[in-house]
Amino acid sequence: MLANLRPTEILLILAVVFLLFGAKKLPDMARSLGKSARILKSEAKAMKKESEAERAAESGTSTQAPADAAPQAPRTIQAAPGDVASSRPVAEPNRTTQS
């Protein structure tokens, strides 16, 4: 569908968006979208690491640090862009897996 758009149609769509949202809001919206994409990407990587660790634990091989190693600081999750309720990072609850 997007491949069928001609340059004049794309410019018309951009002009309508510009008129609807205004010049002041567009940079803020783009910035928020970028932050959201970065947060989503980092959370997807974290979930992938967790699932790989769970698979390794199930198969009997562990990639985790030994028990006598220093504990790591808790991971924090950033609030969603534009979230007025909390402007500080929120600590992730401790997740423990029971075998």
PDB file of N, CA and C in Angstrom:
ATOM      1  N   MET A   1       0.814  -1.182   0.000  1.00  0.00           N
ATOM      2  CA  MET A   1       0.000   0.000   0.000  1.00  0.00           C
ATOM      3  C   MET A   1       0.862   1.251   0.000  1.00  0.00           C
ATOM      4  N   LEU A   2       1.870   1.306   0.875  1.00  0.00           N
ATOM      5  CA  LEU A   2       2.723   2.477   0.933  1.00  0.00           C
ATOM      6  C   LEU A   2       3.608   2.594  -0.301  1.00  0.00           C
ATOM      7  N   ALA A   3       3.871   1.484  -0.953  1.00  0.00           N
ATOM      8  CA  ALA A   3       4.714   1.514  -2.141  1.00  0.00           C
ATOM      9  C   ALA A   3       4.005   2.195  -3.302  1.00  0.00           C
ATOM     10  N   ASN A   4       2.686   2.273  -3.267  1.00  0.00           N
ATOM     11  CA  ASN A   4       1.920   2.876  -4.344  1.00  0.00           C
ATOM     12  C   ASN A   4       1.765   4.386  -4.193  1.00  0.00           C
ATOM     13  N   LEU A   5       2.251   4.957  -3.100  1.00  0.00           N
ATOM     14  CA  LEU A   5       2.127   6.397  -2.887  1.00  0.00           C
ATOM     15  C   LEU A   5       3.146   7.153  -3.733  1.00  0.00           C
ATOM     16  N   ARG A   6       2.668   8.209  -4.368  1.00  0.00           N
ATOM     17  CA  ARG A   6       3.556   9.068  -5.149  1.00  0.00           C
ATOM     18  C   ARG A   6       4.091  10.170  -4.243  1.00  0.00           C
ATOM     19  N   PRO A   7       5.181  10.825  -4.636  1.00  0.00           N
ATOM     20  CA  PRO A   7       5.767  11.889  -3.789  1.00  0.00           C
ATOM     21  C   PRO A   7       4.780  12.998  -3.445  1.00  0.00           C
ATOM     22  N   THR A   8       3.926  13.364  -4.366  1.00  0.00           N
ATOM     23  CA  THR A   8       2.963  14.438  -4.048  1.00  0.00           C
ATOM     24  C   THR A   8       1.972  13.990  -2.980  1.00  0.00           C
ATOM     25  N   GLU A   9       1.582  12.732  -2.994  1.00  0.00           N
ATOM     26  CA  GLU A   9       0.664  12.220  -1.974  1.00  0.00           C
ATOM     27  C   GLU A   9       1.339  12.171  -0.603  1.00  0.00           C
ATOM     28  N   ILE A  10       2.593  11.793  -0.597  1.00  0.00           N
ATOM     29  CA  ILE A  10       3.340  11.752   0.670  1.00  0.00           C
ATOM     30  C   ILE A  10       3.456  13.168   1.239  1.00  0.00           C
ATOM     31  N   LEU A  11       3.765  14.140   0.394  1.00  0.00           N
ATOM     32  CA  LEU A  11       3.865  15.530   0.852  1.00  0.00           C
ATOM     33  C   LEU A  11       2.522  16.036   1.368  1.00  0.00           C
ATOM     34  N   LEU A  12       1.450  15.661   0.736  1.00  0.00           N
ATOM     35  CA  LEU A  12       0.128  16.063   1.186  1.00  0.00           C
ATOM     36  C   LEU A  12      -0.187  15.475   2.559  1.00  0.00           C
ATOM     37  N   ILE A  13       0.143  14.211   2.759  1.00  0.00           N
ATOM     38  CA  ILE A  13      -0.081  13.559   4.054  1.00  0.00           C
ATOM     39  C   ILE A  13       0.752  14.246   5.140  1.00  0.00           C
ATOM     40  N   LEU A  14       2.013  14.542   4.836  1.00  0.00           N
ATOM     41  CA  LEU A  14       2.874  15.223   5.802  1.00  0.00           C
ATOM     42  C   LEU A  14       2.343  16.617   6.133  1.00  0.00           C
ATOM     43  N   ALA A  15       1.820  17.316   5.147  1.00  0.00           N
ATOM     44  CA  ALA A  15       1.255  18.649   5.383  1.00  0.00           C
ATOM     45  C   ALA A  15       0.040  18.567   6.299  1.00  0.00           C
ATOM     46  N   VAL A  16      -0.803  17.570   6.106  1.00  0.00           N
ATOM     47  CA  VAL A  16      -1.985  17.406   6.955  1.00  0.00           C
ATOM     48  C   VAL A  16      -1.563  17.092   8.393  1.00  0.00           C
ATOM     49  N   VAL A  17      -0.590  16.217   8.547  1.00  0.00           N
ATOM     50  CA  VAL A  17      -0.091  15.881   9.889  1.00  0.00           C
ATOM     51  C   VAL A  17       0.486  17.125  10.547  1.00  0.00           C
ATOM     52  N   PHE A  18       1.250  17.898   9.797  1.00  0.00           N
ATOM     53  CA  PHE A  18       1.848  19.124  10.313  1.00  0.00           C
ATOM     54  C   PHE A  18       0.769  20.110  10.760  1.00  0.00           C
ATOM     55  N   LEU A  19      -0.289  20.233   9.979  1.00  0.00           N
ATOM     56  CA  LEU A  19      -1.373  21.149  10.339  1.00  0.00           C
ATOM     57  C   LEU A  19      -2.165  20.656  11.546  1.00  0.00           C
ATOM     58  N   LEU A  20      -2.349  19.348  11.651  1.00  0.00           N
ATOM     59  CA  LEU A  20      -3.111  18.795  12.773  1.00  0.00           C
ATOM     60  C   LEU A  20      -2.373  18.931  14.103  1.00  0.00           C
ATOM     61  N   PHE A  21      -1.111  18.593  14.106  1.00  0.00           N
ATOM     62  CA  PHE A  21      -0.366  18.546  15.363  1.00  0.00           C
ATOM     63  C   PHE A  21       0.449  19.795  15.633  1.00  0.00           C
ATOM     64  N   GLY A  22       0.769  20.573  14.627  1.00  0.00           N
ATOM     65  CA  GLY A  22       1.528  21.794  14.821  1.00  0.00           C
ATOM     66  C   GLY A  22       3.018  21.544  14.887  1.00  0.00           C
ATOM     67  N   ALA A  23       3.762  22.586  14.596  1.00  0.00           N
ATOM     68  CA  ALA A  23       5.226  22.482  14.551  1.00  0.00           C
ATOM     69  C   ALA A  23       5.828  22.238  15.930  1.00  0.00           C
ATOM     70  N   LYS A  24       5.176  22.702  16.968  1.00  0.00           N
ATOM     71  CA  LYS A  24       5.739  22.582  18.308  1.00  0.00           C
ATOM     72  C   LYS A  24       5.633  21.154  18.849  1.00  0.00           C
ATOM     73  N   LYS A  25       4.574  20.461  18.522  1.00  0.00           N
ATOM     74  CA  LYS A  25       4.346  19.119  19.069  1.00  0.00           C
ATOM     75  C   LYS A  25       5.111  18.027  18.329  1.00  0.00           C
ATOM     76  N   LEU A  26       5.403  18.215  17.056  1.00  0.00           N
ATOM     77  CA  LEU A  26       6.032  17.142  16.272  1.00  0.00           C
ATOM     78  C   LEU A  26       7.387  16.694  16.819  1.00  0.00           C
ATOM     79  N   PRO A  27       8.314  17.602  17.179  1.00  0.00           N
ATOM     80  CA  PRO A  27       9.589  17.128  17.749  1.00  0.00           C
ATOM     81  C   PRO A  27       9.407  16.355  19.053  1.00  0.00           C
ATOM     82  N   ASP A  28       8.478  16.816  19.892  1.00  0.00           N
ATOM     83  CA  ASP A  28       8.216  16.109  21.152  1.00  0.00           C
ATOM     84  C   ASP A  28       7.658  14.714  20.895  1.00  0.00           C
ATOM     85  N   MET A  29       6.763  14.611  19.915  1.00  0.00           N
ATOM     86  CA  MET A  29       6.197  13.302  19.583  1.00  0.00           C
ATOM     87  C   MET A  29       7.271  12.367  19.042  1.00  0.00           C
ATOM     88  N   ALA A  30       8.146  12.886  18.193  1.00  0.00           N
ATOM     89  CA  ALA A  30       9.227  12.060  17.639  1.00  0.00           C
ATOM     90  C   ALA A  30      10.185  11.612  18.740  1.00  0.00           C
ATOM     91  N   ARG A  31      10.481  12.497  19.662  1.00  0.00           N
ATOM     92  CA  ARG A  31      11.373  12.167  20.777  1.00  0.00           C
ATOM     93  C   ARG A  31      10.748  11.080  21.649  1.00  0.00           C
ATOM     94  N   SER A  32       9.476  11.207  21.947  1.00  0.00           N
ATOM     95  CA  SER A  32       8.773  10.200  22.753  1.00  0.00           C
ATOM     96  C   SER A  32       8.737   8.851  22.050  1.00  0.00           C
ATOM     97  N   LEU A  33       8.523   8.882  20.744  1.00  0.00           N
ATOM     98  CA  LEU A  33       8.507   7.644  19.975  1.00  0.00           C
ATOM     99  C   LEU A  33       9.879   6.962  20.013  1.00  0.00           C
ATOM    100  N   GLY A  34      10.943   7.744  19.908  1.00  0.00           N
ATOM    101  CA  GLY A  34      12.297   7.187  19.982  1.00  0.00           C
ATOM    102  C   GLY A  34      12.589   6.573  21.340  1.00  0.00           C
ATOM    103  N   LYS A  35      12.179   7.255  22.403  1.00  0.00           N
ATOM    104  CA  LYS A  35      12.385   6.716  23.751  1.00  0.00           C
ATOM    105  C   LYS A  35      11.618   5.410  23.934  1.00  0.00           C
ATOM    106  N   SER A  36      10.389   5.390  23.456  1.00  0.00           N
ATOM    107  CA  SER A  36       9.581   4.176  23.571  1.00  0.00           C
ATOM    108  C   SER A  36      10.216   3.016  22.829  1.00  0.00           C
ATOM    109  N   ALA A  37      10.758   3.297  21.642  1.00  0.00           N
ATOM    110  CA  ALA A  37      11.404   2.240  20.853  1.00  0.00           C
ATOM    111  C   ALA A  37      12.639   1.704  21.575  1.00  0.00           C
ATOM    112  N   ARG A  38      13.424   2.599  22.188  1.00  0.00           N
ATOM    113  CA  ARG A  38      14.617   2.148  22.926  1.00  0.00           C
ATOM    114  C   ARG A  38      14.230   1.301  24.134  1.00  0.00           C
ATOM    115  N   ILE A  39      13.206   1.721  24.864  1.00  0.00           N
ATOM    116  CA  ILE A  39      12.757   0.959  26.031  1.00  0.00           C
ATOM    117  C   ILE A  39      12.253  -0.407  25.608  1.00  0.00           C
ATOM    118  N   LEU A  40      11.460  -0.444  24.545  1.00  0.00           N
ATOM    119  CA  LEU A  40      10.939  -1.713  24.045  1.00  0.00           C
ATOM    120  C   LEU A  40      12.074  -2.648  23.630  1.00  0.00           C
ATOM    121  N   LYS A  41      13.076  -2.106  22.957  1.00  0.00           N
ATOM    122  CA  LYS A  41      14.209  -2.919  22.510  1.00  0.00           C
ATOM    123  C   LYS A  41      14.989  -3.485  23.700  1.00  0.00           C
ATOM    124  N   SER A  42      15.242  -2.652  24.711  1.00  0.00           N
ATOM    125  CA  SER A  42      15.997  -3.138  25.866  1.00  0.00           C
ATOM    126  C   SER A  42      15.213  -4.183  26.656  1.00  0.00           C
ATOM    127  N   GLU A  43      13.909  -3.984  26.779  1.00  0.00           N
ATOM    128  CA  GLU A  43      13.097  -4.968  27.490  1.00  0.00           C
ATOM    129  C   GLU A  43      13.016  -6.285  26.717  1.00  0.00           C
ATOM    130  N   ALA A  44      12.970  -6.207  25.388  1.00  0.00           N
ATOM    131  CA  ALA A  44      12.948  -7.434  24.587  1.00  0.00           C
ATOM    132  C   ALA A  44      14.248  -8.207  24.759  1.00  0.00           C
ATOM    133  N   LYS A  45      15.381  -7.490  24.805  1.00  0.00           N
ATOM    134  CA  LYS A  45      16.671  -8.154  25.036  1.00  0.00           C
ATOM    135  C   LYS A  45      16.717  -8.800  26.410  1.00  0.00           C
ATOM    136  N   ALA A  46      16.189  -8.103  27.418  1.00  0.00           N
ATOM    137  CA  ALA A  46      16.186  -8.648  28.778  1.00  0.00           C
ATOM    138  C   ALA A  46      15.323  -9.905  28.857  1.00  0.00           C
ATOM    139  N   MET A  47      14.165  -9.876  28.200  1.00  0.00           N
ATOM    140  CA  MET A  47      13.299 -11.060  28.203  1.00  0.00           C
ATOM    141  C   MET A  47      13.973 -12.227  27.492  1.00  0.00           C
ATOM    142  N   LYS A  48      14.698 -11.943  26.414  1.00  0.00           N
ATOM    143  CA  LYS A  48      15.394 -12.996  25.685  1.00  0.00           C
ATOM    144  C   LYS A  48      16.481 -13.615  26.555  1.00  0.00           C
ATOM    145  N   LYS A  49      17.227 -12.772  27.294  1.00  0.00           N
ATOM    146  CA  LYS A  49      18.270 -13.283  28.186  1.00  0.00           C
ATOM    147  C   LYS A  49      17.662 -14.155  29.286  1.00  0.00           C
ATOM    148  N   GLU A  50      16.524 -13.695  29.831  1.00  0.00           N
ATOM    149  CA  GLU A  50      15.871 -14.470  30.884  1.00  0.00           C
ATOM    150  C   GLU A  50      15.402 -15.828  30.374  1.00  0.00           C
ATOM    151  N   SER A  51      14.844 -15.854  29.166  1.00  0.00           N
ATOM    152  CA  SER A  51      14.363 -17.130  28.632  1.00  0.00           C
ATOM    153  C   SER A  51      15.529 -18.057  28.316  1.00  0.00           C
ATOM    154  N   GLU A  52      16.658 -17.493  27.846  1.00  0.00           N
ATOM    155  CA  GLU A  52      17.841 -18.323  27.600  1.00  0.00           C
ATOM    156  C   GLU A  52      18.380 -18.878  28.907  1.00  0.00           C
ATOM    157  N   ALA A  53      18.357 -18.073  29.977  1.00  0.00           N
ATOM    158  CA  ALA A  53      18.828 -18.536  31.280  1.00  0.00           C
ATOM    159  C   ALA A  53      17.917 -19.642  31.816  1.00  0.00           C
ATOM    160  N   GLU A  54      16.606 -19.499  31.607  1.00  0.00           N
ATOM    161  CA  GLU A  54      15.675 -20.531  32.055  1.00  0.00           C
ATOM    162  C   GLU A  54      15.894 -21.833  31.296  1.00  0.00           C
ATOM    163  N   ARG A  55      16.125 -21.723  29.985  1.00  0.00           N
ATOM    164  CA  ARG A  55      16.386 -22.937  29.195  1.00  0.00           C
ATOM    165  C   ARG A  55      17.671 -23.605  29.646  1.00  0.00           C
ATOM    166  N   ALA A  56      18.696 -22.798  29.950  1.00  0.00           N
ATOM    167  CA  ALA A  56      19.964 -23.361  30.409  1.00  0.00           C
ATOM    168  C   ALA A  56      19.791 -24.048  31.763  1.00  0.00           C
ATOM    169  N   ALA A  57      18.967 -23.440  32.628  1.00  0.00           N
ATOM    170  CA  ALA A  57      18.731 -24.034  33.945  1.00  0.00           C
ATOM    171  C   ALA A  57      17.959 -25.349  33.811  1.00  0.00           C
ATOM    172  N   GLU A  58      17.022 -25.399  32.870  1.00  0.00           N
ATOM    173  CA  GLU A  58      16.256 -26.622  32.667  1.00  0.00           C
ATOM    174  C   GLU A  58      17.116 -27.745  32.096  1.00  0.00           C
ATOM    175  N   SER A  59      18.089 -27.392  31.266  1.00  0.00           N
ATOM    176  CA  SER A  59      18.920 -28.421  30.648  1.00  0.00           C
ATOM    177  C   SER A  59      20.063 -28.859  31.565  1.00  0.00           C
ATOM    178  N   GLY A  60      20.224 -28.140  32.699  1.00  0.00           N
ATOM    179  CA  GLY A  60      21.249 -28.553  33.649  1.00  0.00           C
ATOM    180  C   GLY A  60      22.523 -27.756  33.555  1.00  0.00           C
ATOM    181  N   THR A  61      22.701 -26.982  32.531  1.00  0.00           N
ATOM    182  CA  THR A  61      23.880 -26.134  32.424  1.00  0.00           C
ATOM    183  C   THR A  61      23.503 -24.748  32.860  1.00  0.00           C
ATOM    184  N   SER A  62      24.333 -24.156  33.672  1.00  0.00           N
ATOM    185  CA  SER A  62      24.020 -22.829  34.211  1.00  0.00           C
ATOM    186  C   SER A  62      25.002 -21.812  33.675  1.00  0.00           C
ATOM    187  N   THR A  63      24.471 -20.677  33.249  1.00  0.00           N
ATOM    188  CA  THR A  63      25.329 -19.579  32.793  1.00  0.00           C
ATOM    189  C   THR A  63      25.353 -18.471  33.824  1.00  0.00           C
ATOM    190  N   GLN A  64      24.765 -18.721  35.001  1.00  0.00           N
ATOM    191  CA  GLN A  64      24.724 -17.698  36.033  1.00  0.00           C
ATOM    192  C   GLN A  64      26.021 -17.703  36.829  1.00  0.00           C
ATOM    193  N   ALA A  65      26.264 -16.585  37.531  1.00  0.00           N
ATOM    194  CA  ALA A  65      27.454 -16.451  38.358  1.00  0.00           C
ATOM    195  C   ALA A  65      27.339 -17.378  39.565  1.00  0.00           C
ATOM    196  N   PRO A  66      28.461 -17.783  40.146  1.00  0.00           N
ATOM    197  CA  PRO A  66      28.433 -18.635  41.338  1.00  0.00           C
ATOM    198  C   PRO A  66      27.734 -17.927  42.496  1.00  0.00           C
ATOM    199  N   ALA A  67      27.278 -18.703  43.470  1.00  0.00           N
ATOM    200  CA  ALA A  67      26.524 -18.170  44.596  1.00  0.00           C
ATOM    201  C   ALA A  67      27.353 -17.223  45.446  1.00  0.00           C
ATOM    202  N   ASP A  68      28.681 -17.397  45.480  1.00  0.00           N
ATOM    203  CA  ASP A  68      29.513 -16.546  46.311  1.00  0.00           C
ATOM    204  C   ASP A  68      29.883 -15.233  45.618  1.00  0.00           C
ATOM    205  N   ALA A  69      29.428 -15.024  44.406  1.00  0.00           N
ATOM    206  CA  ALA A  69      29.712 -13.777  43.685  1.00  0.00           C
ATOM    207  C   ALA A  69      28.890 -12.643  44.290  1.00  0.00           C
ATOM    208  N   ALA A  70      29.362 -11.414  44.091  1.00  0.00           N
ATOM    209  CA  ALA A  70      28.664 -10.245  44.621  1.00  0.00           C
ATOM    210  C   ALA A  70      27.302 -10.094  43.937  1.00  0.00           C
ATOM    211  N   PRO A  71      26.280  -9.763  44.704  1.00  0.00           N
ATOM    212  CA  PRO A  71      24.952  -9.604  44.096  1.00  0.00           C
ATOM    213  C   PRO A  71      24.907  -8.384  43.184  1.00  0.00           C
ATOM    214  N   GLN A  72      24.099  -8.474  42.154  1.00  0.00           N
ATOM    215  CA  GLN A  72      23.964  -7.364  41.229  1.00  0.00           C
ATOM    216  C   GLN A  72      22.909  -6.398  41.735  1.00  0.00           C
ATOM    217  N   ALA A  73      23.033  -5.142  41.310  1.00  0.00           N
ATOM    218  CA  ALA A  73      22.043  -4.135  41.668  1.00  0.00           C
ATOM    219  C   ALA A  73      20.735  -4.459  40.959  1.00  0.00           C
ATOM    220  N   PRO A  74      19.605  -4.164  41.560  1.00  0.00           N
ATOM    221  CA  PRO A  74      18.322  -4.454  40.907  1.00  0.00           C
ATOM    222  C   PRO A  74      18.156  -3.632  39.635  1.00  0.00           C
ATOM    223  N   ARG A  75      17.542  -4.261  38.640  1.00  0.00           N
ATOM    224  CA  ARG A  75      17.269  -3.582  37.373  1.00  0.00           C
ATOM    225  C   ARG A  75      16.140  -2.595  37.568  1.00  0.00           C
ATOM    226  N   THR A  76      16.176  -1.483  36.847  1.00  0.00           N
ATOM    227  CA  THR A  76      15.088  -0.520  36.920  1.00  0.00           C
ATOM    228  C   THR A  76      14.395  -0.441  35.577  1.00  0.00           C
ATOM    229  N   ILE A  77      13.124  -0.134  35.619  1.00  0.00           N
ATOM    230  CA  ILE A  77      12.327   0.019  34.414  1.00  0.00           C
ATOM    231  C   ILE A  77      11.947   1.489  34.309  1.00  0.00           C
ATOM    232  N   GLN A  78      12.219   2.097  33.166  1.00  0.00           N
ATOM    233  CA  GLN A  78      11.881   3.498  32.978  1.00  0.00           C
ATOM    234  C   GLN A  78      10.378   3.651  32.795  1.00  0.00           C
ATOM    235  N   ALA A  79       9.840   4.752  33.287  1.00  0.00           N
ATOM    236  CA  ALA A  79       8.424   5.044  33.090  1.00  0.00           C
ATOM    237  C   ALA A  79       8.183   5.348  31.617  1.00  0.00           C
ATOM    238  N   ALA A  80       6.984   5.111  31.166  1.00  0.00           N
ATOM    239  CA  ALA A  80       6.635   5.362  29.772  1.00  0.00           C
ATOM    240  C   ALA A  80       6.730   6.854  29.482  1.00  0.00           C
ATOM    241  N   PRO A  81       7.153   7.208  28.261  1.00  0.00           N
ATOM    242  CA  PRO A  81       7.228   8.630  27.915  1.00  0.00           C
ATOM    243  C   PRO A  81       5.854   9.286  28.051  1.00  0.00           C
ATOM    244  N   GLY A  82       5.839  10.445  28.658  1.00  0.00           N
ATOM    245  CA  GLY A  82       4.585  11.158  28.846  1.00  0.00           C
ATOM    246  C   GLY A  82       3.815  10.713  30.074  1.00  0.00           C
ATOM    247  N   ASP A  83       4.355   9.762  30.840  1.00  0.00           N
ATOM    248  CA  ASP A  83       3.691   9.275  32.039  1.00  0.00           C
ATOM    249  C   ASP A  83       3.905  10.290  33.150  1.00  0.00           C
ATOM    250  N   VAL A  84       2.865  10.965  33.552  1.00  0.00           N
ATOM    251  CA  VAL A  84       2.968  12.019  34.545  1.00  0.00           C
ATOM    252  C   VAL A  84       2.982  11.444  35.951  1.00  0.00           C
ATOM    253  N   ALA A  85       2.392  10.282  36.130  1.00  0.00           N
ATOM    254  CA  ALA A  85       2.255   9.700  37.463  1.00  0.00           C
ATOM    255  C   ALA A  85       3.606   9.417  38.112  1.00  0.00           C
ATOM    256  N   SER A  86       4.582   8.976  37.342  1.00  0.00           N
ATOM    257  CA  SER A  86       5.891   8.685  37.928  1.00  0.00           C
ATOM    258  C   SER A  86       6.976   9.115  36.970  1.00  0.00           C
ATOM    259  N   SER A  87       7.831  10.006  37.445  1.00  0.00           N
ATOM    260  CA  SER A  87       8.913  10.475  36.592  1.00  0.00           C
ATOM    261  C   SER A  87      10.235   9.827  36.959  1.00  0.00           C
ATOM    262  N   ARG A  88      10.238   8.985  38.000  1.00  0.00           N
ATOM    263  CA  ARG A  88      11.453   8.297  38.412  1.00  0.00           C
ATOM    264  C   ARG A  88      11.414   6.850  37.946  1.00  0.00           C
ATOM    265  N   PRO A  89      12.599   6.220  37.787  1.00  0.00           N
ATOM    266  CA  PRO A  89      12.603   4.791  37.444  1.00  0.00           C
ATOM    267  C   PRO A  89      11.965   3.980  38.567  1.00  0.00           C
ATOM    268  N   VAL A  90      11.301   2.933  38.199  1.00  0.00           N
ATOM    269  CA  VAL A  90      10.602   2.077  39.149  1.00  0.00           C
ATOM    270  C   VAL A  90      11.386   0.783  39.282  1.00  0.00           C
ATOM    271  N   ALA A  91      11.641   0.358  40.509  1.00  0.00           N
ATOM    272  CA  ALA A  91      12.393  -0.878  40.731  1.00  0.00           C
ATOM    273  C   ALA A  91      11.553  -2.064  40.313  1.00  0.00           C
ATOM    274  N   GLU A  92      12.189  -2.991  39.619  1.00  0.00           N
ATOM    275  CA  GLU A  92      11.490  -4.198  39.182  1.00  0.00           C
ATOM    276  C   GLU A  92      11.349  -5.130  40.370  1.00  0.00           C
ATOM    277  N   PRO A  93      10.198  -5.769  40.532  1.00  0.00           N
ATOM    278  CA  PRO A  93      10.046  -6.706  41.658  1.00  0.00           C
ATOM    279  C   PRO A  93      10.984  -7.892  41.485  1.00  0.00           C
ATOM    280  N   ASN A  94      11.409  -8.433  42.616  1.00  0.00           N
ATOM    281  CA  ASN A  94      12.310  -9.592  42.577  1.00  0.00           C
ATOM    282  C   ASN A  94      11.564 -10.773  41.978  1.00  0.00           C
ATOM    283  N   ARG A  95      12.176 -11.390  41.005  1.00  0.00           N
ATOM    284  CA  ARG A  95      11.585 -12.566  40.383  1.00  0.00           C
ATOM    285  C   ARG A  95      12.380 -13.787  40.794  1.00  0.00           C
ATOM    286  N   THR A  96      11.727 -14.706  41.411  1.00  0.00           N
ATOM    287  CA  THR A  96      12.392 -15.944  41.781  1.00  0.00           C
ATOM    288  C   THR A  96      11.662 -17.092  41.114  1.00  0.00           C
ATOM    289  N   THR A  97      12.439 -18.007  40.581  1.00  0.00           N
ATOM    290  CA  THR A  97      11.832 -19.172  39.944  1.00  0.00           C
ATOM    291  C   THR A  97      11.957 -20.343  40.912  1.00  0.00           C
ATOM    292  N   GLN A  98      10.884 -21.051  41.061  1.00  0.00           N
ATOM    293  CA  GLN A  98      10.882 -22.199  41.954  1.00  0.00           C
ATOM    294  C   GLN A  98      11.003 -23.458  41.122  1.00  0.00           C
ATOM    295  N   SER A  99      11.889 -24.355  41.561  1.00  0.00           N
ATOM    296  CA  SER A  99      12.094 -25.607  40.828  1.00  0.00           C
ATOM    297  C   SER A  99      11.341 -26.735  41.445  1.00  0.00           C
TER     298      SER A  99
END
